Amino acid sequence: MRDMLAVELVENVLLDVLGVAPDTVVPHACVVQDLGASPTDVLVILRRLKAVLPSIAVERLMAAGARDPGGSFTVDELVTHIERRTQFDRALLRKALFVQAQRAVVICEATTSGASSAWTSAS
């Protein structure tokens, strides 16, 4: 069974960085090939998840992207690495989710004006 906090974190980061539709962020989706991440996007994604990814996973994922930029890594691989890293440290995962939510609020406030924004109506 998947850790839904890890799934939520990965989904939130990918949606925020890539601006893709939520239904495209599925376990088998390749971050580069299927979701359209650029090399810069991959670095931003890994940087945002760095606190909850083991350093060896970050290195492996970056190397995988360099070896095969067309294939990259999947959403499921990100979730699996985060689950392994946070299995015994739930506070770390909750903190990462909080930080990601704060980023989304700041970005939303910077790009919208007034209470009629899509963000406000979706809350």
PDB file of N, CA and C in Angstrom:
ATOM      1  N   MET A   1       0.836  -1.184   0.000  1.00  0.00           N
ATOM      2  CA  MET A   1       0.000   0.000   0.000  1.00  0.00           C
ATOM      3  C   MET A   1       0.880   1.248   0.000  1.00  0.00           C
ATOM      4  N   ARG A   2       0.505   2.212  -0.806  1.00  0.00           N
ATOM      5  CA  ARG A   2       1.301   3.437  -0.947  1.00  0.00           C
ATOM      6  C   ARG A   2       1.096   4.381   0.227  1.00  0.00           C
ATOM      7  N   ASP A   3       2.121   5.130   0.536  1.00  0.00           N
ATOM      8  CA  ASP A   3       2.045   6.176   1.552  1.00  0.00           C
ATOM      9  C   ASP A   3       1.414   7.392   0.873  1.00  0.00           C
ATOM     10  N   MET A   4       0.197   7.701   1.241  1.00  0.00           N
ATOM     11  CA  MET A   4      -0.535   8.754   0.543  1.00  0.00           C
ATOM     12  C   MET A   4       0.060  10.144   0.760  1.00  0.00           C
ATOM     13  N   LEU A   5       0.771  10.354   1.863  1.00  0.00           N
ATOM     14  CA  LEU A   5       1.451  11.635   2.046  1.00  0.00           C
ATOM     15  C   LEU A   5       2.576  11.788   1.020  1.00  0.00           C
ATOM     16  N   ALA A   6       3.298  10.716   0.761  1.00  0.00           N
ATOM     17  CA  ALA A   6       4.372  10.745  -0.239  1.00  0.00           C
ATOM     18  C   ALA A   6       3.790  10.961  -1.629  1.00  0.00           C
ATOM     19  N   VAL A   7       2.694  10.277  -1.921  1.00  0.00           N
ATOM     20  CA  VAL A   7       2.030  10.448  -3.222  1.00  0.00           C
ATOM     21  C   VAL A   7       1.568  11.887  -3.387  1.00  0.00           C
ATOM     22  N   GLU A   8       0.946  12.425  -2.341  1.00  0.00           N
ATOM     23  CA  GLU A   8       0.445  13.806  -2.401  1.00  0.00           C
ATOM     24  C   GLU A   8       1.586  14.802  -2.617  1.00  0.00           C
ATOM     25  N   LEU A   9       2.696  14.599  -1.923  1.00  0.00           N
ATOM     26  CA  LEU A   9       3.841  15.495  -2.079  1.00  0.00           C
ATOM     27  C   LEU A   9       4.366  15.474  -3.510  1.00  0.00           C
ATOM     28  N   VAL A  10       4.584  14.282  -4.053  1.00  0.00           N
ATOM     29  CA  VAL A  10       5.102  14.165  -5.420  1.00  0.00           C
ATOM     30  C   VAL A  10       4.118  14.789  -6.406  1.00  0.00           C
ATOM     31  N   GLU A  11       2.839  14.492  -6.264  1.00  0.00           N
ATOM     32  CA  GLU A  11       1.838  15.077  -7.153  1.00  0.00           C
ATOM     33  C   GLU A  11       1.852  16.599  -7.080  1.00  0.00           C
ATOM     34  N   ASN A  12       1.875  17.144  -5.863  1.00  0.00           N
ATOM     35  CA  ASN A  12       1.866  18.600  -5.698  1.00  0.00           C
ATOM     36  C   ASN A  12       3.080  19.260  -6.340  1.00  0.00           C
ATOM     37  N   VAL A  13       4.246  18.663  -6.133  1.00  0.00           N
ATOM     38  CA  VAL A  13       5.468  19.231  -6.714  1.00  0.00           C
ATOM     39  C   VAL A  13       5.403  19.183  -8.247  1.00  0.00           C
ATOM     40  N   LEU A  14       5.004  18.044  -8.793  1.00  0.00           N
ATOM     41  CA  LEU A  14       4.935  17.913 -10.255  1.00  0.00           C
ATOM     42  C   LEU A  14       3.896  18.856 -10.851  1.00  0.00           C
ATOM     43  N   LEU A  15       2.754  18.969 -10.214  1.00  0.00           N
ATOM     44  CA  LEU A  15       1.721  19.883 -10.716  1.00  0.00           C
ATOM     45  C   LEU A  15       2.206  21.321 -10.667  1.00  0.00           C
ATOM     46  N   ASP A  16       2.881  21.671  -9.577  1.00  0.00           N
ATOM     47  CA  ASP A  16       3.365  23.035  -9.411  1.00  0.00           C
ATOM     48  C   ASP A  16       4.478  23.371 -10.400  1.00  0.00           C
ATOM     49  N   VAL A  17       5.456  22.496 -10.518  1.00  0.00           N
ATOM     50  CA  VAL A  17       6.617  22.773 -11.371  1.00  0.00           C
ATOM     51  C   VAL A  17       6.272  22.654 -12.856  1.00  0.00           C
ATOM     52  N   LEU A  18       5.514  21.619 -13.208  1.00  0.00           N
ATOM     53  CA  LEU A  18       5.268  21.347 -14.628  1.00  0.00           C
ATOM     54  C   LEU A  18       3.970  21.949 -15.154  1.00  0.00           C
ATOM     55  N   GLY A  19       3.047  22.278 -14.265  1.00  0.00           N
ATOM     56  CA  GLY A  19       1.780  22.837 -14.699  1.00  0.00           C
ATOM     57  C   GLY A  19       0.958  21.883 -15.549  1.00  0.00           C
ATOM     58  N   VAL A  20       1.054  20.587 -15.262  1.00  0.00           N
ATOM     59  CA  VAL A  20       0.322  19.578 -16.029  1.00  0.00           C
ATOM     60  C   VAL A  20      -1.037  19.328 -15.387  1.00  0.00           C
ATOM     61  N   ALA A  21      -1.912  18.678 -16.126  1.00  0.00           N
ATOM     62  CA  ALA A  21      -3.224  18.314 -15.609  1.00  0.00           C
ATOM     63  C   ALA A  21      -3.068  17.224 -14.545  1.00  0.00           C
ATOM     64  N   PRO A  22      -3.844  17.298 -13.474  1.00  0.00           N
ATOM     65  CA  PRO A  22      -3.717  16.299 -12.402  1.00  0.00           C
ATOM     66  C   PRO A  22      -3.878  14.852 -12.868  1.00  0.00           C
ATOM     67  N   ASP A  23      -4.701  14.612 -13.867  1.00  0.00           N
ATOM     68  CA  ASP A  23      -4.920  13.229 -14.304  1.00  0.00           C
ATOM     69  C   ASP A  23      -3.754  12.657 -15.102  1.00  0.00           C
ATOM     70  N   THR A  24      -2.752  13.479 -15.417  1.00  0.00           N
ATOM     71  CA  THR A  24      -1.575  12.974 -16.124  1.00  0.00           C
ATOM     72  C   THR A  24      -0.490  12.477 -15.172  1.00  0.00           C
ATOM     73  N   VAL A  25      -0.591  12.835 -13.900  1.00  0.00           N
ATOM     74  CA  VAL A  25       0.404  12.427 -12.910  1.00  0.00           C
ATOM     75  C   VAL A  25      -0.018  11.065 -12.359  1.00  0.00           C
ATOM     76  N   VAL A  26       0.361  10.035 -13.094  1.00  0.00           N
ATOM     77  CA  VAL A  26       0.046   8.649 -12.739  1.00  0.00           C
ATOM     78  C   VAL A  26       1.351   7.913 -12.462  1.00  0.00           C
ATOM     79  N   PRO A  27       1.309   6.810 -11.721  1.00  0.00           N
ATOM     80  CA  PRO A  27       2.547   6.127 -11.320  1.00  0.00           C
ATOM     81  C   PRO A  27       3.499   5.782 -12.462  1.00  0.00           C
ATOM     82  N   HIS A  28       3.000   5.339 -13.587  1.00  0.00           N
ATOM     83  CA  HIS A  28       3.869   4.904 -14.684  1.00  0.00           C
ATOM     84  C   HIS A  28       4.351   6.049 -15.580  1.00  0.00           C
ATOM     85  N   ALA A  29       3.907   7.268 -15.334  1.00  0.00           N
ATOM     86  CA  ALA A  29       4.299   8.406 -16.177  1.00  0.00           C
ATOM     87  C   ALA A  29       5.775   8.756 -15.979  1.00  0.00           C
ATOM     88  N   CYS A  30       6.507   8.873 -17.076  1.00  0.00           N
ATOM     89  CA  CYS A  30       7.897   9.331 -17.021  1.00  0.00           C
ATOM     90  C   CYS A  30       7.888  10.856 -16.907  1.00  0.00           C
ATOM     91  N   VAL A  31       8.691  11.357 -16.002  1.00  0.00           N
ATOM     92  CA  VAL A  31       8.688  12.790 -15.726  1.00  0.00           C
ATOM     93  C   VAL A  31       9.052  13.606 -16.969  1.00  0.00           C
ATOM     94  N   VAL A  32      10.020  13.150 -17.742  1.00  0.00           N
ATOM     95  CA  VAL A  32      10.440  13.886 -18.931  1.00  0.00           C
ATOM     96  C   VAL A  32       9.560  13.544 -20.126  1.00  0.00           C
ATOM     97  N   GLN A  33       9.475  12.275 -20.428  1.00  0.00           N
ATOM     98  CA  GLN A  33       8.786  11.823 -21.630  1.00  0.00           C
ATOM     99  C   GLN A  33       7.290  12.114 -21.601  1.00  0.00           C
ATOM    100  N   ASP A  34       6.625  11.719 -20.530  1.00  0.00           N
ATOM    101  CA  ASP A  34       5.175  11.826 -20.475  1.00  0.00           C
ATOM    102  C   ASP A  34       4.681  13.160 -19.929  1.00  0.00           C
ATOM    103  N   LEU A  35       5.416  13.723 -18.976  1.00  0.00           N
ATOM    104  CA  LEU A  35       4.960  14.963 -18.342  1.00  0.00           C
ATOM    105  C   LEU A  35       5.632  16.203 -18.924  1.00  0.00           C
ATOM    106  N   GLY A  36       6.626  16.007 -19.776  1.00  0.00           N
ATOM    107  CA  GLY A  36       7.241  17.122 -20.493  1.00  0.00           C
ATOM    108  C   GLY A  36       8.216  17.969 -19.700  1.00  0.00           C
ATOM    109  N   ALA A  37       8.844  17.394 -18.701  1.00  0.00           N
ATOM    110  CA  ALA A  37       9.810  18.147 -17.896  1.00  0.00           C
ATOM    111  C   ALA A  37      11.078  18.428 -18.698  1.00  0.00           C
ATOM    112  N   SER A  38      11.545  19.651 -18.607  1.00  0.00           N
ATOM    113  CA  SER A  38      12.823  20.024 -19.207  1.00  0.00           C
ATOM    114  C   SER A  38      13.928  19.656 -18.220  1.00  0.00           C
ATOM    115  N   PRO A  39      15.195  19.685 -18.656  1.00  0.00           N
ATOM    116  CA  PRO A  39      16.288  19.417 -17.707  1.00  0.00           C
ATOM    117  C   PRO A  39      16.252  20.364 -16.504  1.00  0.00           C
ATOM    118  N   THR A  40      15.875  21.602 -16.734  1.00  0.00           N
ATOM    119  CA  THR A  40      15.763  22.559 -15.629  1.00  0.00           C
ATOM    120  C   THR A  40      14.629  22.164 -14.695  1.00  0.00           C
ATOM    121  N   ASP A  41      13.503  21.732 -15.266  1.00  0.00           N
ATOM    122  CA  ASP A  41      12.373  21.276 -14.449  1.00  0.00           C
ATOM    123  C   ASP A  41      12.783  20.108 -13.554  1.00  0.00           C
ATOM    124  N   VAL A  42      13.546  19.170 -14.117  1.00  0.00           N
ATOM    125  CA  VAL A  42      13.989  18.008 -13.347  1.00  0.00           C
ATOM    126  C   VAL A  42      14.822  18.460 -12.149  1.00  0.00           C
ATOM    127  N   LEU A  43      15.711  19.411 -12.376  1.00  0.00           N
ATOM    128  CA  LEU A  43      16.529  19.919 -11.270  1.00  0.00           C
ATOM    129  C   LEU A  43      15.670  20.593 -10.213  1.00  0.00           C
ATOM    130  N   VAL A  44      14.668  21.358 -10.634  1.00  0.00           N
ATOM    131  CA  VAL A  44      13.774  22.023  -9.677  1.00  0.00           C
ATOM    132  C   VAL A  44      12.984  20.989  -8.881  1.00  0.00           C
ATOM    133  N   ILE A  45      12.476  19.968  -9.559  1.00  0.00           N
ATOM    134  CA  ILE A  45      11.720  18.906  -8.886  1.00  0.00           C
ATOM    135  C   ILE A  45      12.597  18.212  -7.851  1.00  0.00           C
ATOM    136  N   LEU A  46      13.795  17.831  -8.246  1.00  0.00           N
ATOM    137  CA  LEU A  46      14.696  17.145  -7.313  1.00  0.00           C
ATOM    138  C   LEU A  46      15.102  18.056  -6.162  1.00  0.00           C
ATOM    139  N   ARG A  47      15.283  19.341  -6.441  1.00  0.00           N
ATOM    140  CA  ARG A  47      15.631  20.280  -5.376  1.00  0.00           C
ATOM    141  C   ARG A  47      14.484  20.395  -4.368  1.00  0.00           C
ATOM    142  N   ARG A  48      13.258  20.446  -4.859  1.00  0.00           N
ATOM    143  CA  ARG A  48      12.112  20.563  -3.950  1.00  0.00           C
ATOM    144  C   ARG A  48      11.895  19.298  -3.126  1.00  0.00           C
ATOM    145  N   LEU A  49      12.290  18.170  -3.668  1.00  0.00           N
ATOM    146  CA  LEU A  49      12.101  16.903  -2.959  1.00  0.00           C
ATOM    147  C   LEU A  49      13.355  16.456  -2.213  1.00  0.00           C
ATOM    148  N   LYS A  50      14.415  17.238  -2.306  1.00  0.00           N
ATOM    149  CA  LYS A  50      15.702  16.840  -1.746  1.00  0.00           C
ATOM    150  C   LYS A  50      15.628  16.495  -0.263  1.00  0.00           C
ATOM    151  N   ALA A  51      14.831  17.204   0.500  1.00  0.00           N
ATOM    152  CA  ALA A  51      14.744  16.960   1.944  1.00  0.00           C
ATOM    153  C   ALA A  51      14.171  15.581   2.263  1.00  0.00           C
ATOM    154  N   VAL A  52      13.376  15.025   1.358  1.00  0.00           N
ATOM    155  CA  VAL A  52      12.744  13.733   1.628  1.00  0.00           C
ATOM    156  C   VAL A  52      13.266  12.611   0.739  1.00  0.00           C
ATOM    157  N   LEU A  53      14.204  12.935  -0.133  1.00  0.00           N
ATOM    158  CA  LEU A  53      14.830  11.909  -0.970  1.00  0.00           C
ATOM    159  C   LEU A  53      16.202  11.574  -0.420  1.00  0.00           C
ATOM    160  N   PRO A  54      16.540  10.306  -0.332  1.00  0.00           N
ATOM    161  CA  PRO A  54      17.905   9.958   0.063  1.00  0.00           C
ATOM    162  C   PRO A  54      18.893  10.517  -0.969  1.00  0.00           C
ATOM    163  N   SER A  55      20.044  10.955  -0.518  1.00  0.00           N
ATOM    164  CA  SER A  55      21.012  11.560  -1.441  1.00  0.00           C
ATOM    165  C   SER A  55      21.401  10.600  -2.557  1.00  0.00           C
ATOM    166  N   ILE A  56      21.491   9.328  -2.263  1.00  0.00           N
ATOM    167  CA  ILE A  56      21.834   8.348  -3.290  1.00  0.00           C
ATOM    168  C   ILE A  56      20.746   8.294  -4.357  1.00  0.00           C
ATOM    169  N   ALA A  57      19.491   8.489  -3.963  1.00  0.00           N
ATOM    170  CA  ALA A  57      18.386   8.495  -4.931  1.00  0.00           C
ATOM    171  C   ALA A  57      18.462   9.720  -5.825  1.00  0.00           C
ATOM    172  N   VAL A  58      18.794  10.863  -5.247  1.00  0.00           N
ATOM    173  CA  VAL A  58      18.929  12.093  -6.052  1.00  0.00           C
ATOM    174  C   VAL A  58      20.013  11.890  -7.093  1.00  0.00           C
ATOM    175  N   GLU A  59      21.151  11.360  -6.672  1.00  0.00           N
ATOM    176  CA  GLU A  59      22.252  11.117  -7.608  1.00  0.00           C
ATOM    177  C   GLU A  59      21.838  10.127  -8.690  1.00  0.00           C
ATOM    178  N   ARG A  60      21.163   9.060  -8.297  1.00  0.00           N
ATOM    179  CA  ARG A  60      20.729   8.044  -9.263  1.00  0.00           C
ATOM    180  C   ARG A  60      19.709   8.618 -10.247  1.00  0.00           C
ATOM    181  N   LEU A  61      18.765   9.389  -9.737  1.00  0.00           N
ATOM    182  CA  LEU A  61      17.739   9.968 -10.607  1.00  0.00           C
ATOM    183  C   LEU A  61      18.339  10.992 -11.563  1.00  0.00           C
ATOM    184  N   MET A  62      19.296  11.779 -11.092  1.00  0.00           N
ATOM    185  CA  MET A  62      19.956  12.747 -11.973  1.00  0.00           C
ATOM    186  C   MET A  62      20.776  12.017 -13.028  1.00  0.00           C
ATOM    187  N   ALA A  63      21.448  10.947 -12.626  1.00  0.00           N
ATOM    188  CA  ALA A  63      22.245  10.169 -13.579  1.00  0.00           C
ATOM    189  C   ALA A  63      21.345   9.486 -14.602  1.00  0.00           C
ATOM    190  N   ALA A  64      20.199   8.989 -14.166  1.00  0.00           N
ATOM    191  CA  ALA A  64      19.263   8.347 -15.086  1.00  0.00           C
ATOM    192  C   ALA A  64      18.780   9.350 -16.124  1.00  0.00           C
ATOM    193  N   GLY A  65      18.514  10.564 -15.693  1.00  0.00           N
ATOM    194  CA  GLY A  65      18.084  11.601 -16.622  1.00  0.00           C
ATOM    195  C   GLY A  65      19.183  11.978 -17.601  1.00  0.00           C
ATOM    196  N   ALA A  66      20.433  11.976 -17.127  1.00  0.00           N
ATOM    197  CA  ALA A  66      21.555  12.316 -18.001  1.00  0.00           C
ATOM    198  C   ALA A  66      21.825  11.215 -19.020  1.00  0.00           C
ATOM    199  N   ARG A  67      21.710   9.946 -18.575  1.00  0.00           N
ATOM    200  CA  ARG A  67      21.938   8.817 -19.483  1.00  0.00           C
ATOM    201  C   ARG A  67      20.844   8.705 -20.525  1.00  0.00           C
ATOM    202  N   ASP A  68      19.636   8.911 -20.096  1.00  0.00           N
ATOM    203  CA  ASP A  68      18.495   8.711 -20.975  1.00  0.00           C
ATOM    204  C   ASP A  68      17.505   9.854 -20.786  1.00  0.00           C
ATOM    205  N   PRO A  69      17.826  11.041 -21.316  1.00  0.00           N
ATOM    206  CA  PRO A  69      16.957  12.185 -21.091  1.00  0.00           C
ATOM    207  C   PRO A  69      15.543  11.985 -21.628  1.00  0.00           C
ATOM    208  N   GLY A  70      15.369  11.064 -22.560  1.00  0.00           N
ATOM    209  CA  GLY A  70      14.034  10.799 -23.086  1.00  0.00           C
ATOM    210  C   GLY A  70      13.210   9.944 -22.151  1.00  0.00           C
ATOM    211  N   GLY A  71      13.849   9.159 -21.300  1.00  0.00           N
ATOM    212  CA  GLY A  71      13.124   8.261 -20.422  1.00  0.00           C
ATOM    213  C   GLY A  71      13.002   8.788 -19.012  1.00  0.00           C
ATOM    214  N   SER A  72      14.071   9.359 -18.502  1.00  0.00           N
ATOM    215  CA  SER A  72      14.102   9.927 -17.169  1.00  0.00           C
ATOM    216  C   SER A  72      13.689   8.897 -16.121  1.00  0.00           C
ATOM    217  N   PHE A  73      12.796   9.260 -15.228  1.00  0.00           N
ATOM    218  CA  PHE A  73      12.335   8.381 -14.173  1.00  0.00           C
ATOM    219  C   PHE A  73      10.839   8.587 -14.018  1.00  0.00           C
ATOM    220  N   THR A  74      10.209   7.638 -13.348  1.00  0.00           N
ATOM    221  CA  THR A  74       8.752   7.684 -13.255  1.00  0.00           C
ATOM    222  C   THR A  74       8.287   8.334 -11.951  1.00  0.00           C
ATOM    223  N   VAL A  75       7.029   8.681 -11.931  1.00  0.00           N
ATOM    224  CA  VAL A  75       6.396   9.216 -10.735  1.00  0.00           C
ATOM    225  C   VAL A  75       6.494   8.177  -9.618  1.00  0.00           C
ATOM    226  N   ASP A  76       6.271   6.921  -9.946  1.00  0.00           N
ATOM    227  CA  ASP A  76       6.332   5.845  -8.959  1.00  0.00           C
ATOM    228  C   ASP A  76       7.720   5.736  -8.331  1.00  0.00           C
ATOM    229  N   GLU A  77       8.773   5.918  -9.114  1.00  0.00           N
ATOM    230  CA  GLU A  77      10.132   5.861  -8.558  1.00  0.00           C
ATOM    231  C   GLU A  77      10.339   6.964  -7.526  1.00  0.00           C
ATOM    232  N   LEU A  78       9.843   8.161  -7.815  1.00  0.00           N
ATOM    233  CA  LEU A  78       9.962   9.251  -6.851  1.00  0.00           C
ATOM    234  C   LEU A  78       9.241   8.901  -5.552  1.00  0.00           C
ATOM    235  N   VAL A  79       8.013   8.421  -5.671  1.00  0.00           N
ATOM    236  CA  VAL A  79       7.226   8.070  -4.492  1.00  0.00           C
ATOM    237  C   VAL A  79       7.927   6.969  -3.691  1.00  0.00           C
ATOM    238  N   THR A  80       8.435   5.956  -4.371  1.00  0.00           N
ATOM    239  CA  THR A  80       9.110   4.840  -3.691  1.00  0.00           C
ATOM    240  C   THR A  80      10.323   5.325  -2.906  1.00  0.00           C
ATOM    241  N   HIS A  81      11.129   6.195  -3.511  1.00  0.00           N
ATOM    242  CA  HIS A  81      12.308   6.716  -2.809  1.00  0.00           C
ATOM    243  C   HIS A  81      11.903   7.524  -1.579  1.00  0.00           C
ATOM    244  N   ILE A  82      10.859   8.321  -1.716  1.00  0.00           N
ATOM    245  CA  ILE A  82      10.396   9.124  -0.579  1.00  0.00           C
ATOM    246  C   ILE A  82       9.839   8.225   0.517  1.00  0.00           C
ATOM    247  N   GLU A  83       9.096   7.196   0.146  1.00  0.00           N
ATOM    248  CA  GLU A  83       8.570   6.259   1.141  1.00  0.00           C
ATOM    249  C   GLU A  83       9.701   5.608   1.930  1.00  0.00           C
ATOM    250  N   ARG A  84      10.737   5.208   1.246  1.00  0.00           N
ATOM    251  CA  ARG A  84      11.872   4.563   1.926  1.00  0.00           C
ATOM    252  C   ARG A  84      12.556   5.523   2.885  1.00  0.00           C
ATOM    253  N   ARG A  85      12.717   6.772   2.460  1.00  0.00           N
ATOM    254  CA  ARG A  85      13.430   7.773   3.267  1.00  0.00           C
ATOM    255  C   ARG A  85      12.618   8.207   4.481  1.00  0.00           C
ATOM    256  N   THR A  86      11.297   8.277   4.333  1.00  0.00           N
ATOM    257  CA  THR A  86      10.462   8.830   5.397  1.00  0.00           C
ATOM    258  C   THR A  86       9.691   7.765   6.169  1.00  0.00           C
ATOM    259  N   GLN A  87       9.986   6.516   5.924  1.00  0.00           N
ATOM    260  CA  GLN A  87       9.261   5.428   6.577  1.00  0.00           C
ATOM    261  C   GLN A  87       9.227   5.580   8.094  1.00  0.00           C
ATOM    262  N   PHE A  88      10.321   6.014   8.676  1.00  0.00           N
ATOM    263  CA  PHE A  88      10.397   6.145  10.128  1.00  0.00           C
ATOM    264  C   PHE A  88      10.453   7.607  10.580  1.00  0.00           C
ATOM    265  N   ASP A  89      10.251   8.521   9.658  1.00  0.00           N
ATOM    266  CA  ASP A  89      10.311   9.950   9.998  1.00  0.00           C
ATOM    267  C   ASP A  89       9.143  10.675   9.338  1.00  0.00           C
ATOM    268  N   ARG A  90       7.954  10.466   9.869  1.00  0.00           N
ATOM    269  CA  ARG A  90       6.740  11.058   9.303  1.00  0.00           C
ATOM    270  C   ARG A  90       6.763  12.586   9.407  1.00  0.00           C
ATOM    271  N   ALA A  91       7.424  13.117  10.443  1.00  0.00           N
ATOM    272  CA  ALA A  91       7.482  14.564  10.601  1.00  0.00           C
ATOM    273  C   ALA A  91       8.208  15.212   9.422  1.00  0.00           C
ATOM    274  N   LEU A  92       9.219  14.555   8.917  1.00  0.00           N
ATOM    275  CA  LEU A  92       9.958  15.069   7.766  1.00  0.00           C
ATOM    276  C   LEU A  92       9.051  15.176   6.545  1.00  0.00           C
ATOM    277  N   LEU A  93       8.237  14.189   6.328  1.00  0.00           N
ATOM    278  CA  LEU A  93       7.311  14.191   5.197  1.00  0.00           C
ATOM    279  C   LEU A  93       6.241  15.262   5.377  1.00  0.00           C
ATOM    280  N   ARG A  94       5.707  15.382   6.568  1.00  0.00           N
ATOM    281  CA  ARG A  94       4.697  16.420   6.825  1.00  0.00           C
ATOM    282  C   ARG A  94       5.283  17.813   6.622  1.00  0.00           C
ATOM    283  N   LYS A  95       6.526  18.005   7.055  1.00  0.00           N
ATOM    284  CA  LYS A  95       7.178  19.303   6.877  1.00  0.00           C
ATOM    285  C   LYS A  95       7.351  19.616   5.396  1.00  0.00           C
ATOM    286  N   ALA A  96       7.751  18.629   4.603  1.00  0.00           N
ATOM    287  CA  ALA A  96       7.918  18.833   3.163  1.00  0.00           C
ATOM    288  C   ALA A  96       6.594  19.199   2.508  1.00  0.00           C
ATOM    289  N   LEU A  97       5.506  18.554   2.928  1.00  0.00           N
ATOM    290  CA  LEU A  97       4.181  18.892   2.403  1.00  0.00           C
ATOM    291  C   LEU A  97       3.799  20.316   2.773  1.00  0.00           C
ATOM    292  N   PHE A  98       4.088  20.714   4.002  1.00  0.00           N
ATOM    293  CA  PHE A  98       3.793  22.072   4.452  1.00  0.00           C
ATOM    294  C   PHE A  98       4.564  23.101   3.630  1.00  0.00           C
ATOM    295  N   VAL A  99       5.847  22.852   3.422  1.00  0.00           N
ATOM    296  CA  VAL A  99       6.678  23.774   2.639  1.00  0.00           C
ATOM    297  C   VAL A  99       6.145  23.885   1.210  1.00  0.00           C
ATOM    298  N   GLN A 100       5.761  22.763   0.611  1.00  0.00           N
ATOM    299  CA  GLN A 100       5.216  22.776  -0.744  1.00  0.00           C
ATOM    300  C   GLN A 100       3.907  23.564  -0.789  1.00  0.00           C
ATOM    301  N   ALA A 101       3.065  23.397   0.206  1.00  0.00           N
ATOM    302  CA  ALA A 101       1.797  24.135   0.255  1.00  0.00           C
ATOM    303  C   ALA A 101       2.057  25.628   0.395  1.00  0.00           C
ATOM    304  N   GLN A 102       3.033  26.007   1.193  1.00  0.00           N
ATOM    305  CA  GLN A 102       3.382  27.422   1.349  1.00  0.00           C
ATOM    306  C   GLN A 102       3.863  28.012   0.027  1.00  0.00           C
ATOM    307  N   ARG A 103       4.665  27.255  -0.724  1.00  0.00           N
ATOM    308  CA  ARG A 103       5.129  27.713  -2.036  1.00  0.00           C
ATOM    309  C   ARG A 103       3.951  27.967  -2.962  1.00  0.00           C
ATOM    310  N   ALA A 104       2.997  27.058  -2.953  1.00  0.00           N
ATOM    311  CA  ALA A 104       1.828  27.191  -3.822  1.00  0.00           C
ATOM    312  C   ALA A 104       1.038  28.443  -3.474  1.00  0.00           C
ATOM    313  N   VAL A 105       0.892  28.740  -2.199  1.00  0.00           N
ATOM    314  CA  VAL A 105       0.160  29.933  -1.778  1.00  0.00           C
ATOM    315  C   VAL A 105       0.900  31.186  -2.226  1.00  0.00           C
ATOM    316  N   VAL A 106       2.205  31.227  -2.034  1.00  0.00           N
ATOM    317  CA  VAL A 106       2.998  32.388  -2.429  1.00  0.00           C
ATOM    318  C   VAL A 106       2.930  32.604  -3.936  1.00  0.00           C
ATOM    319  N   ILE A 107       3.060  31.520  -4.697  1.00  0.00           N
ATOM    320  CA  ILE A 107       2.992  31.624  -6.156  1.00  0.00           C
ATOM    321  C   ILE A 107       1.618  32.098  -6.582  1.00  0.00           C
ATOM    322  N   CYS A 108       0.589  31.564  -5.951  1.00  0.00           N
ATOM    323  CA  CYS A 108      -0.776  31.946  -6.279  1.00  0.00           C
ATOM    324  C   CYS A 108      -1.010  33.423  -5.981  1.00  0.00           C
ATOM    325  N   GLU A 109      -0.582  33.876  -4.832  1.00  0.00           N
ATOM    326  CA  GLU A 109      -0.759  35.273  -4.468  1.00  0.00           C
ATOM    327  C   GLU A 109      -0.003  36.197  -5.408  1.00  0.00           C
ATOM    328  N   ALA A 110       1.139  35.752  -5.895  1.00  0.00           N
ATOM    329  CA  ALA A 110       1.939  36.579  -6.787  1.00  0.00           C
ATOM    330  C   ALA A 110       1.358  36.645  -8.199  1.00  0.00           C
ATOM    331  N   THR A 111       0.577  35.642  -8.587  1.00  0.00           N
ATOM    332  CA  THR A 111       0.082  35.590  -9.963  1.00  0.00           C
ATOM    333  C   THR A 111      -1.391  35.923 -10.108  1.00  0.00           C
ATOM    334  N   THR A 112      -2.103  36.095  -9.002  1.00  0.00           N
ATOM    335  CA  THR A 112      -3.526  36.419  -9.094  1.00  0.00           C
ATOM    336  C   THR A 112      -3.805  37.741  -8.421  1.00  0.00           C
ATOM    337  N   SER A 113      -4.957  38.277  -8.740  1.00  0.00           N
ATOM    338  CA  SER A 113      -5.348  39.516  -8.079  1.00  0.00           C
ATOM    339  C   SER A 113      -6.791  39.388  -7.621  1.00  0.00           C
ATOM    340  N   GLY A 114      -7.054  39.762  -6.389  1.00  0.00           N
ATOM    341  CA  GLY A 114      -8.409  39.742  -5.865  1.00  0.00           C
ATOM    342  C   GLY A 114      -8.886  38.370  -5.460  1.00  0.00           C
ATOM    343  N   ALA A 115     -10.080  38.326  -4.901  1.00  0.00           N
ATOM    344  CA  ALA A 115     -10.651  37.076  -4.392  1.00  0.00           C
ATOM    345  C   ALA A 115     -11.307  36.247  -5.476  1.00  0.00           C
ATOM    346  N   SER A 116     -11.328  36.711  -6.706  1.00  0.00           N
ATOM    347  CA  SER A 116     -12.001  35.965  -7.771  1.00  0.00           C
ATOM    348  C   SER A 116     -11.067  35.022  -8.494  1.00  0.00           C
ATOM    349  N   SER A 117      -9.909  34.796  -7.949  1.00  0.00           N
ATOM    350  CA  SER A 117      -8.953  33.908  -8.614  1.00  0.00           C
ATOM    351  C   SER A 117      -9.427  32.469  -8.563  1.00  0.00           C
ATOM    352  N   ALA A 118      -8.912  31.636  -9.452  1.00  0.00           N
ATOM    353  CA  ALA A 118      -9.254  30.217  -9.502  1.00  0.00           C
ATOM    354  C   ALA A 118      -8.832  29.538  -8.206  1.00  0.00           C
ATOM    355  N   TRP A 119      -7.733  29.980  -7.631  1.00  0.00           N
ATOM    356  CA  TRP A 119      -7.226  29.369  -6.390  1.00  0.00           C
ATOM    357  C   TRP A 119      -8.236  29.550  -5.267  1.00  0.00           C
ATOM    358  N   THR A 120      -8.754  30.760  -5.117  1.00  0.00           N
ATOM    359  CA  THR A 120      -9.696  31.049  -4.057  1.00  0.00           C
ATOM    360  C   THR A 120     -10.983  30.262  -4.236  1.00  0.00           C
ATOM    361  N   SER A 121     -11.467  30.174  -5.465  1.00  0.00           N
ATOM    362  CA  SER A 121     -12.717  29.462  -5.696  1.00  0.00           C
ATOM    363  C   SER A 121     -12.555  27.959  -5.548  1.00  0.00           C
ATOM    364  N   ALA A 122     -11.318  27.448  -5.711  1.00  0.00           N
ATOM    365  CA  ALA A 122     -11.081  26.007  -5.576  1.00  0.00           C
ATOM    366  C   ALA A 122     -10.946  25.598  -4.114  1.00  0.00           C
ATOM    367  N   SER A 123     -10.700  26.531  -3.222  1.00  0.00           N
ATOM    368  CA  SER A 123     -10.483  26.197  -1.811  1.00  0.00           C
ATOM    369  C   SER A 123     -11.730  25.754  -1.119  1.00  0.00           C
TER     370      SER A 123
END
